[in-house]
Amino acid sequence: MLSSMDQKGAPRWPRGQRFSLSPIGIEAEAAYRSAVQDVRALGREALELAERRWADRLGLDPCDGIVLTELRQGRLTLPQLARAMECCDTSDIQVRAALDRLVRAGFVESSTAPRQAA
């Protein structure tokens, strides 16, 4: 599950906004998949440690890798991404927070500029 983030001052993404991986996002997603694959058979604790190490190196949340992996499939809207993340028991607010982190860090690109929250 993704961690919550205070939404004050966070961008408000239009419903039709599309998101995709940037060149550094493609590299980060591949590194995430590799880190997870290498420890998958070792149990939950090893998986969480690998996710945390991956995230710490990039200044991200450990679960941001899941969002990057979903975006690997192509340009998705926020509602599409939120539906894909439902299986992880992740709320729309958590998906928005992850997108905000990833866009600000340059790992995800958006097709248009967001409207700023009032």
Protein backbone atom coordinates (compact mmCIF):
# COMPACT_ATOMS: atom_id res chain seq x y z
CA MET A 1 0.00 0.00 0.00
CA LEU A 2 1.24 3.49 -0.77
CA SER A 3 1.77 5.93 2.05
CA SER A 4 -0.53 8.93 2.32
CA MET A 5 0.65 12.46 1.61
CA ASP A 6 -0.72 15.83 2.63
CA GLN A 7 -2.54 17.15 -0.44
CA LYS A 8 -2.30 20.87 0.44
CA GLY A 9 -0.64 22.67 -2.44
CA ALA A 10 -0.33 19.46 -4.46
CA PRO A 11 -1.19 19.72 -8.13
CA ARG A 12 -4.71 18.82 -9.18
CA TRP A 13 -4.44 16.57 -12.20
CA PRO A 14 -7.25 16.85 -14.75
CA ARG A 15 -9.20 13.62 -15.27
CA GLY A 16 -7.88 13.19 -18.83
CA GLN A 17 -4.25 13.90 -17.91
CA ARG A 18 -1.92 11.19 -19.22
CA PHE A 19 1.21 9.99 -17.46
CA SER A 20 4.18 8.05 -18.81
CA LEU A 21 7.68 7.12 -17.72
CA SER A 22 10.46 9.57 -18.45
CA PRO A 23 13.85 8.22 -19.57
CA ILE A 24 15.08 8.13 -15.95
CA GLY A 25 11.74 6.62 -14.95
CA ILE A 26 12.32 3.75 -17.39
CA GLU A 27 15.70 3.09 -15.74
CA ALA A 28 14.23 3.32 -12.23
CA GLU A 29 11.40 0.94 -13.11
CA ALA A 30 13.84 -1.60 -14.55
CA ALA A 31 15.98 -1.35 -11.40
CA TYR A 32 12.86 -1.87 -9.26
CA ARG A 33 11.80 -4.96 -11.22
CA SER A 34 15.31 -6.39 -10.97
CA ALA A 35 15.53 -5.76 -7.22
CA VAL A 36 12.14 -7.37 -6.61
CA GLN A 37 12.79 -10.38 -8.86
CA ASP A 38 16.08 -11.11 -7.13
CA VAL A 39 14.45 -11.52 -3.69
CA ARG A 40 10.91 -12.63 -4.46
CA ALA A 41 11.53 -16.23 -3.35
CA LEU A 42 13.17 -15.09 -0.08
CA GLY A 43 9.97 -13.92 1.61
CA ARG A 44 8.14 -10.73 2.50
CA GLU A 45 10.84 -9.28 4.75
CA ALA A 46 13.49 -9.57 2.03
CA LEU A 47 11.11 -8.05 -0.51
CA GLU A 48 10.35 -5.06 1.71
CA LEU A 49 14.07 -4.54 2.38
CA ALA A 50 14.84 -4.61 -1.36
CA GLU A 51 12.04 -2.11 -2.06
CA ARG A 52 13.29 0.17 0.72
CA ARG A 53 16.88 0.07 -0.59
CA TRP A 54 15.70 0.82 -4.12
CA ALA A 55 13.57 3.74 -2.91
CA ASP A 56 16.25 5.19 -0.61
CA ARG A 57 18.76 5.36 -3.48
CA LEU A 58 16.28 7.41 -5.52
CA GLY A 59 14.65 9.45 -2.75
CA LEU A 60 11.26 7.81 -3.32
CA ASP A 61 8.68 5.88 -1.33
CA PRO A 62 9.20 2.09 -1.52
CA CYS A 63 5.80 1.57 -3.12
CA ASP A 64 6.45 4.11 -5.88
CA GLY A 65 8.03 1.24 -7.79
CA ILE A 66 4.61 -0.36 -8.20
CA VAL A 67 3.30 2.83 -9.82
CA LEU A 68 6.31 2.94 -12.15
CA THR A 69 5.67 -0.67 -13.09
CA GLU A 70 2.05 0.10 -13.96
CA LEU A 71 3.15 3.08 -16.09
CA ARG A 72 5.59 0.86 -17.99
CA GLN A 73 2.59 -0.32 -20.00
CA GLY A 74 2.12 3.10 -21.59
CA ARG A 75 0.43 6.46 -21.12
CA LEU A 76 -2.28 6.11 -18.48
CA THR A 77 -4.79 8.53 -17.02
CA LEU A 78 -5.19 8.91 -13.27
CA PRO A 79 -8.47 6.90 -13.26
CA GLN A 80 -6.81 4.09 -15.26
CA LEU A 81 -3.87 4.01 -12.89
CA ALA A 82 -6.14 4.08 -9.83
CA ARG A 83 -8.12 1.12 -11.19
CA ALA A 84 -4.91 -0.80 -11.83
CA MET A 85 -3.78 -0.11 -8.26
CA GLU A 86 -7.04 -1.27 -6.65
CA CYS A 87 -5.64 -4.80 -6.38
CA CYS A 88 -2.96 -3.38 -4.06
CA ASP A 89 -5.65 -1.85 -1.83
CA THR A 90 -4.44 1.62 -2.82
CA SER A 91 -6.74 4.66 -2.69
CA ASP A 92 -7.02 7.40 -5.31
CA ILE A 93 -5.41 9.81 -2.84
CA GLN A 94 -2.41 7.52 -2.45
CA VAL A 95 -2.06 7.15 -6.23
CA ARG A 96 -2.22 10.95 -6.62
CA ALA A 97 0.46 11.36 -3.93
CA ALA A 98 2.73 8.86 -5.67
CA LEU A 99 2.24 10.61 -9.02
CA ASP A 100 3.05 13.96 -7.44
CA ARG A 101 6.31 12.57 -5.99
CA LEU A 102 7.26 10.86 -9.24
CA VAL A 103 6.47 13.86 -11.46
CA ARG A 104 8.35 16.27 -9.16
CA ALA A 105 11.35 13.90 -9.12
CA GLY A 106 11.32 13.62 -12.93
CA PHE A 107 10.54 9.88 -13.14
CA VAL A 108 7.09 10.42 -14.67
CA GLU A 109 6.03 12.88 -17.35
CA SER A 110 2.57 14.36 -17.78
CA SER A 111 1.06 15.46 -21.06
CA THR A 112 -0.06 18.89 -19.77
CA ALA A 113 0.68 21.09 -16.79
CA PRO A 114 -1.51 20.53 -13.70
CA ARG A 115 -3.85 23.14 -12.24
CA GLN A 116 -2.62 24.24 -8.81
CA ALA A 117 -4.84 23.54 -5.80
CA ALA A 118 -6.52 26.56 -4.30
